[in-house]
Amino acid sequence: MATTDLTTLLTNIRSCEICIDELPEGPRPVVQVGSKAAITIIGQAPGRRVHESGVPWDDPSGDRLRSWLDISSEQFYDPDVLAIVPMGFCFPGTGKSGDNPPRPECAPAWHDQLLQQLPSQRLDILIGSYAQRRYVPDRAKTLTETVARWREYLPTQVVLPHPSPRNNIWLKKNPWFEQEAIPAIREIVQSHLQD
């Protein structure tokens, strides 16, 4: 199979309609990738607010994520610093208890091609159970157990819970995460930003 250049690949993703009939708000793929990005964020899928703005992590979850990583908006939105590759590129709609899961078609269709365009020596930040299921083969049975083993995945992977305000209860039940994991994760992120 011929390698597609990054510009063409991103154009193809942004015009993707693989699951158009399954998206209640219609397709609007949200992705950010530059060929020099030293950090890749693999999260779930855009929420309604991001669907409307077209800007990844343009919501309270993104504010918390940038705080956790101690990264400025300028760095976060620079595709040659940080790639944003969600498990599902489009807003999947709202379910009974929040947004629906990411569409299962996106990652198999696009991830391998995108990740091949990035430096091999990069930091992958895997947010939530969908990304961890795909990219952490030796993960624990639950997200909490996987995140509790965060040290085991360094220095190439960081595992995080979703930074959504819906996870405030999880954060209160697991104070070790912000007390122990976040300071170490910030150091790893900063080391990749300085390379």
Protein backbone atom coordinates (compact mmCIF):
# COMPACT_ATOMS: atom_id res chain seq x y z
CA MET A 1 0.00 0.00 0.00
CA ALA A 2 1.40 3.42 -0.94
CA THR A 3 2.07 5.90 1.84
CA THR A 4 -0.22 8.92 1.77
CA ASP A 5 1.34 12.27 2.62
CA LEU A 6 0.07 13.95 5.78
CA THR A 7 -1.73 16.81 4.03
CA THR A 8 -3.70 14.40 1.83
CA LEU A 9 -4.40 12.11 4.77
CA LEU A 10 -5.78 14.96 6.90
CA THR A 11 -7.91 16.14 3.96
CA ASN A 12 -9.31 12.62 3.60
CA ILE A 13 -10.07 12.39 7.34
CA ARG A 14 -11.73 15.80 7.45
CA SER A 15 -14.01 14.79 4.58
CA CYS A 16 -14.71 11.32 5.99
CA GLU A 17 -18.30 10.10 5.95
CA ILE A 18 -17.75 6.43 6.90
CA CYS A 19 -20.42 6.52 9.59
CA ILE A 20 -22.51 9.47 8.37
CA ASP A 21 -25.77 7.59 8.93
CA GLU A 22 -24.84 6.92 12.59
CA LEU A 23 -24.07 10.53 13.55
CA PRO A 24 -27.12 12.46 14.78
CA GLU A 25 -25.36 15.82 14.27
CA GLY A 26 -23.66 14.79 11.02
CA PRO A 27 -19.93 14.40 10.42
CA ARG A 28 -17.40 17.01 11.49
CA PRO A 29 -14.09 15.22 12.05
CA VAL A 30 -11.82 16.96 14.55
CA VAL A 31 -8.12 16.09 14.38
CA GLN A 32 -4.78 17.89 14.80
CA VAL A 33 -1.53 16.37 13.55
CA GLY A 34 1.85 17.74 12.52
CA SER A 35 4.75 15.56 11.45
CA LYS A 36 7.04 16.84 14.25
CA ALA A 37 4.64 16.36 17.19
CA ALA A 38 6.51 14.92 20.17
CA ILE A 39 3.28 14.24 22.08
CA THR A 40 0.10 12.54 20.90
CA ILE A 41 -3.18 12.74 22.78
CA ILE A 42 -5.52 9.87 22.04
CA GLY A 43 -8.85 10.52 23.70
CA GLN A 44 -12.45 9.48 23.14
CA ALA A 45 -14.43 11.67 20.72
CA PRO A 46 -15.39 15.33 20.44
CA GLY A 47 -18.26 16.50 22.59
CA ARG A 48 -21.08 18.73 21.38
CA ARG A 49 -19.18 21.95 22.14
CA VAL A 50 -16.12 20.77 20.20
CA HIS A 51 -18.38 19.61 17.36
CA GLU A 52 -19.78 23.15 17.17
CA SER A 53 -16.42 24.96 17.37
CA GLY A 54 -14.30 22.45 15.44
CA VAL A 55 -11.50 23.05 17.98
CA PRO A 56 -10.29 19.93 19.85
CA TRP A 57 -10.64 19.95 23.64
CA ASP A 58 -12.37 23.37 23.49
CA ASP A 59 -14.36 22.73 26.65
CA PRO A 60 -13.99 22.32 30.44
CA SER A 61 -12.43 18.87 29.89
CA GLY A 62 -9.75 20.49 27.76
CA ASP A 63 -9.12 23.15 30.40
CA ARG A 64 -8.53 20.46 33.00
CA LEU A 65 -6.39 18.39 30.65
CA ARG A 66 -4.12 21.37 29.88
CA SER A 67 -3.87 22.01 33.62
CA TRP A 68 -2.99 18.37 34.34
CA LEU A 69 -0.27 18.46 31.68
CA ASP A 70 0.87 21.99 32.60
CA ILE A 71 0.83 22.96 28.95
CA SER A 72 -0.16 26.31 27.46
CA SER A 73 -2.93 26.72 24.91
CA GLU A 74 -0.30 27.87 22.40
CA GLN A 75 1.65 24.63 22.82
CA PHE A 76 -1.48 22.50 22.96
CA TYR A 77 -2.84 23.85 19.68
CA ASP A 78 0.46 23.73 17.80
CA PRO A 79 0.24 20.59 15.59
CA ASP A 80 4.03 20.37 15.41
CA VAL A 81 4.16 20.16 19.20
CA LEU A 82 1.09 18.08 20.00
CA ALA A 83 -1.05 15.74 17.89
CA ILE A 84 -4.69 15.13 18.81
CA VAL A 85 -6.03 11.85 17.47
CA PRO A 86 -9.33 10.85 19.09
CA MET A 87 -10.69 7.30 18.96
CA GLY A 88 -13.68 8.75 17.13
CA PHE A 89 -13.20 11.94 15.11
CA CYS A 90 -16.85 13.07 15.16
CA PHE A 91 -19.33 13.86 17.92
CA PRO A 92 -21.20 10.56 18.43
CA GLY A 93 -24.35 12.10 19.90
CA THR A 94 -25.74 12.10 23.41
CA GLY A 95 -26.92 9.03 25.29
CA LYS A 96 -28.68 8.47 28.61
CA SER A 97 -25.67 9.26 30.80
CA GLY A 98 -23.51 11.51 28.65
CA ASP A 99 -22.06 11.32 25.17
CA ASN A 100 -22.30 8.07 23.24
CA PRO A 101 -19.11 6.01 22.83
CA PRO A 102 -16.76 6.91 19.98
CA ARG A 103 -17.78 5.40 16.66
CA PRO A 104 -15.86 2.13 16.23
CA GLU A 105 -15.05 2.77 12.54
CA CYS A 106 -12.62 5.68 13.03
CA ALA A 107 -9.59 4.17 14.76
CA PRO A 108 -9.28 1.15 12.43
CA ALA A 109 -9.77 3.35 9.36
CA TRP A 110 -7.33 6.13 10.22
CA HIS A 111 -5.11 5.66 13.28
CA ASP A 112 -2.36 3.49 11.81
CA GLN A 113 -1.93 5.84 8.86
CA LEU A 114 -1.84 8.91 11.11
CA LEU A 115 0.52 7.49 13.72
CA GLN A 116 2.97 6.44 10.99
CA GLN A 117 3.30 10.14 10.13
CA LEU A 118 4.51 10.99 13.66
CA PRO A 119 7.96 10.62 15.21
CA SER A 120 8.56 7.13 16.57
CA GLN A 121 10.10 8.60 19.74
CA ARG A 122 7.03 10.34 21.09
CA LEU A 123 4.86 10.35 24.20
CA ASP A 124 1.36 8.91 23.78
CA ILE A 125 -1.21 10.19 26.29
CA LEU A 126 -4.07 7.71 26.40
CA ILE A 127 -7.23 9.18 27.86
CA GLY A 128 -10.05 6.93 28.97
CA SER A 129 -10.86 3.27 28.54
CA TYR A 130 -11.42 3.30 24.75
CA ALA A 131 -7.89 4.52 23.99
CA GLN A 132 -6.38 2.32 26.67
CA ARG A 133 -8.18 -0.77 25.34
CA ARG A 134 -6.63 -0.22 21.92
CA TYR A 135 -3.14 0.93 22.89
CA VAL A 136 -2.31 -0.63 26.28
CA PRO A 137 -2.18 -4.39 25.70
CA ASP A 138 -1.27 -5.24 29.31
CA ARG A 139 -3.80 -2.89 30.91
CA ALA A 140 -5.68 -3.90 34.05
CA LYS A 141 -9.33 -4.93 34.09
CA THR A 142 -10.63 -1.48 35.03
CA LEU A 143 -9.65 2.04 34.13
CA THR A 144 -8.94 2.82 37.79
CA GLU A 145 -6.57 -0.14 38.07
CA THR A 146 -4.86 0.79 34.80
CA VAL A 147 -4.39 4.41 35.85
CA ALA A 148 -3.13 3.24 39.27
CA ARG A 149 -0.35 1.42 37.38
CA TRP A 150 0.62 4.64 35.54
CA ARG A 151 4.33 4.27 36.37
CA GLU A 152 4.53 0.97 34.45
CA TYR A 153 3.73 2.65 31.13
CA LEU A 154 6.29 5.45 31.34
CA PRO A 155 8.29 6.80 29.58
CA THR A 156 6.42 6.20 26.29
CA GLN A 157 2.81 6.17 27.48
CA VAL A 158 0.73 8.09 29.98
CA VAL A 159 -2.64 6.68 31.01
CA LEU A 160 -5.27 9.13 32.26
CA PRO A 161 -8.91 9.08 33.24
CA HIS A 162 -11.07 11.42 31.20
CA PRO A 163 -10.72 14.98 32.53
CA SER A 164 -14.46 15.60 32.25
CA PRO A 165 -16.25 17.32 35.13
CA ARG A 166 -18.36 14.14 35.20
CA ASN A 167 -15.29 12.46 36.72
CA ASN A 168 -15.10 14.75 39.77
CA ILE A 169 -16.37 11.89 41.97
CA TRP A 170 -13.63 9.60 40.61
CA LEU A 171 -11.01 12.25 41.38
CA LYS A 172 -12.31 12.62 44.96
CA LYS A 173 -12.21 8.85 45.46
CA ASN A 174 -8.68 8.63 44.02
CA PRO A 175 -6.75 11.60 45.46
CA TRP A 176 -3.44 9.80 44.73
CA PHE A 177 -3.96 10.57 41.05
CA GLU A 178 -3.61 14.35 41.36
CA GLN A 179 -1.18 14.12 44.31
CA GLU A 180 1.27 11.56 42.87
CA ALA A 181 0.64 10.91 39.19
CA ILE A 182 0.05 14.43 37.90
CA PRO A 183 3.36 15.96 39.12
CA ALA A 184 5.33 13.08 37.53
CA ILE A 185 3.30 13.25 34.32
CA ARG A 186 3.96 16.99 34.08
CA GLU A 187 7.70 16.33 34.25
CA ILE A 188 7.48 13.76 31.43
CA VAL A 189 5.42 16.14 29.30
CA GLN A 190 7.87 18.98 29.88
CA SER A 191 10.81 16.77 28.91
CA HIS A 192 9.11 16.00 25.56
CA LEU A 193 8.31 19.66 24.99
CA GLN A 194 11.97 20.60 25.46
CA ASP A 195 13.41 17.95 23.11
